[in-house]
Amino acid sequence: MLTHLVLVGIVSLCSMEPLRRNKRSWIIDSFDIVEEHPGPFPYELGQIKLDRSYIVEFGLKGKGVDENPKGVLSIDSKTGVIMVHRKVDYEQFSVLMLTFQARNKSNLAIDTQLGMEVNILDINDNPPVFPRKVYDVTVNEAAKQGGFIVGVLAIDKDAAGTPNSTIDYKIISVAPTTKNVEFYIQDSGAISFKGCFDYEVASKYIIMVEAKDRGEVVKLSSTATIVINLQDGNNHIPVITGQTGSGNVVEGTNGTSPLKIHTTDADTRPTAAWRVRYSIEGDKGGHFSIRTDPDNNDGILTVVKPLDFEEQTEHKLSISVENEVPYFSCVVKERSPSGLWTVISNPSKPSSKNITITVEDANDPPYFTDPVRKVILEENGAIGAFVDQVKAVDPDTGRPHKLEYSIEHDPAGWFRVDKTTGEIFVKETVDRESSYVTNGTYTIFVLVTEKDDHPPMTSTATIQVYVEDKNDNVPLLKENRVSVCQSDQLSSAEVSAQDLDGDPYSGPFSFEIIGDHKEGWSFDPSYGYTVRLVKDKRVYASLYTLSVKISDKQGRFVLQNLTVAACDCAVSPNCLLQRNTQQKVGNGLLGITIFATLMVLAFLLLTLTCSCGSVKSLAQVDNVLEDALLSSNIEKPGTDCMVPTTLLRKTSVSQSKETTIVNNWTQKKADFQQVSSKTVTSTPSSPVRAESWSRDRSKYHSSENQSWMWKQYQSDHYQGSTFSRRGSQRRAKSYFINQSTLQSLLTQRLHLMQSQENDLLDYEPHLYAFEDNTDKLADLDPIDLPSNEFNPDLLSDLGPAFKKLASICNPGSKQN
């Protein structure tokens, strides 16, 4: 190829002289620069000439001069001769771009400036090169002929499109050489094969590939190695060789493995062509699964769903096996000189084996035909009412068992079950408002047990009882105390009610004021769950108790007391809170007072009870030496004190003997001196109260004097009497008892207590009803017990406080 020098154009014409028409001319010669020229250097490349009337100087710059590759070219400044000083590599610089200048020597002005290109001639100095020296690929044995295996590509740095860079590929060698396969390479460098791979014949092929260019002077080449590794394909089917295991399964169990299936495969371990998977046919109930042992390819049959002996005693199954990858077959039938060979495939049938699984009988638990039942029951129904019936079945038809029913879970204890029939009955009253009922539903569990089996087998049924609501609850106030501000205008407070019953037996409620306060108080609105209690402006500040009628949607109502505190809110923002604070202190004192009073009453009631027996009565004492006798049991006997009729008949006889008895007691005064001195000493300065009788009666009950007294009068019978207060004499506002009189009274009291043990054995205790009405008890008047004075007249009229207490202790009595 020729290389020539081209003067591209005039870049500029510069001169200090005036412009005038000048004749300019130049000669362009062609030059050749061959890459890798052997020299010697420097050698002349060419000359540039200019026709000028004045002397010019030549200059050259650009690639090859002062730019890379530097030092290749130079120009003589006087003659314009271009010289080559060293080699140029075409693969690095295929063309050199330069700038030529001519200057007027007299003034150094640029006369001519030209751009020029110097082309480098290419030679075949680069062989084709493979990016990799070794190509390592893996090919499946089942690959089909004509398919792409691997591609190679060589690169030549010589000029593109020339013979120097045109490459031809060729397979130089293949090892090993087998009859079943032949490799070939295409012009693009793609390698493929003809025939069939056989892993058992050759598992690896090594191919040598050559790449050569088409250089005219010399042809250059290089080689690469292709390593083809065969992956064993599934060209051998697995074969079932046998089985181990009993093949027996106990009914009702799962997770057991009754047998193993053994299989062999000629493919390479542990490739996908060798690994196998099993399938089961004939398992209609889905009772079995089979998995593969990864170490030896055995198939392990497992029970995943319990078998039933009564349903089926034997299960006949068919087990088949195949590899994880599909089976293939390739056999060379004819080797064609051109094109692909003729190959055929031999299909095969998977290996299989028939097996029989025998089910062994076992004791099965009973089961409920309907394990979850729902029933409807009305609350507050009759005791013993039929609710539902559960039915259990014993699946062991060959050897049936006795079944027995019982309640397993019944938190409220409302039901019972017939242990033989499974019938469920109401045992206790069912309450829908109970905490055991959730959203109207009460749940019980019934258990059935095999009684004649060890251990007994059981099963459970669930009974969901929906309890129908009844209107068995009345609406009640949430708060029975409210406060209202005193004002000249209408003022109000919120009042709320609730009902344990559900709809339609609950709210919204109707509110109404009943009684004397109806004019001053009202509800607005009077219907709802929460209403406003409105106070008329005429109502003054005080504490009011209103009778409120609250009715539910069905008209069932209740009367409740609502305590309303009306006060000046400017003084106290919550007058009810203020009253409650004061009342807490008053209630504490009142509680202590009531407790002390009840203790006194208990003692009096005990004394009264002791006076109701058949005893030897002493005479009625009328005059006690001008001293006052304080009776120990001035209250009348209770209505529950049953006096034997024999004692009533003897009363009239006893009255005639009382005077004689008193005289006899006076004569025996000295005999009781020791007893009285141990019990009490009565002086004007030490008053004796009724408490002394109770405190010391145990001493008199066991003394010898009492024993002598009992023997002396054991033939006499008297009706017990109550001593009355006679000849009272007040001394310094206190009451005193003469010592001799005290001795007589003590002895009589001991006699009465002793006789009660024998004559009142048929006494029936009475249960006093204490109503839960704390609101009314809080309003009782306080009871004061002076510590320095006791007036017996106070016991004659105890006032409204004790009347209230009497009504609680004895609801049947009438209050005066």
Foldseek 3Di string as FASTA:
>chain_A
DWKFKDFDDWPDADDPDPDDDDDKDKDTTTFAAEAPPPDDPKDWGAFIDIDDPAFKFKAKDFDCDPHPVHVQWGAGRRTRIIIGGDGDACLVPQKTKMKMWIAGPVVRHTGTITIIMTGYHWALPWWWAWPDQEAEFEDEQQDAFPDWGDFTDTATSTDPPDQSTAKAKDWDDKPPDDPQKDWDADRRRTITMFGGGDCVVPQKMKIKMKIWGRGPVDIHIDIHIYIYGYDYAQQWWKAWDDKDADLEAEFPDWFDFRMKIAIATPIDPPDLSGAKDKDKPQCPVPQWDWDADSPGRMITITGPDGDACLVPFKGKMKMWMGGNDDHWAWDFDADDPDDHGDIDTDDDDTYMDMDMHGYDYDFDFKEWPAQEEEWEAEFQDDFFAWTDATDIDGPPPVDDFQKFKFWDDDPVPQWTAHGRGRIITGHDTGDQLDPCHDPQKHKTKMKMWRPPDVVIHIDIGIYIYRYDWDLPWAKDKPDQEEEWEQDLAKIKDKTFIWTSTDPPNIFQKFKAWDDDCRVQWGWVVRTGRMTIIIGHNVDDFDKDWTWMWIAGPVGDIDTDTHIYGYYHCVVPVGVVVVVVVVLVVVVVQQVVQVVVVVVLVVVLLVLLLLQQFWFFAAAADADAPLAKDDWLHPDDHDPLRDHDVVQVVCAVVNHVCRVVRVVVLVVCLVVCPVVLVVQDDWDPVDADDSVSLVVCLVVVLPDPSLVVVCVVCVVGIHRRDTHDIHSYDADPQGGTHDSSVVSVVSSRSSRSNVRCVPGPPPRDDDDFAADPDVVVVSPADGDDDDPPHDDVVCVVDVPDNVLVVVCRRPVPDDGD
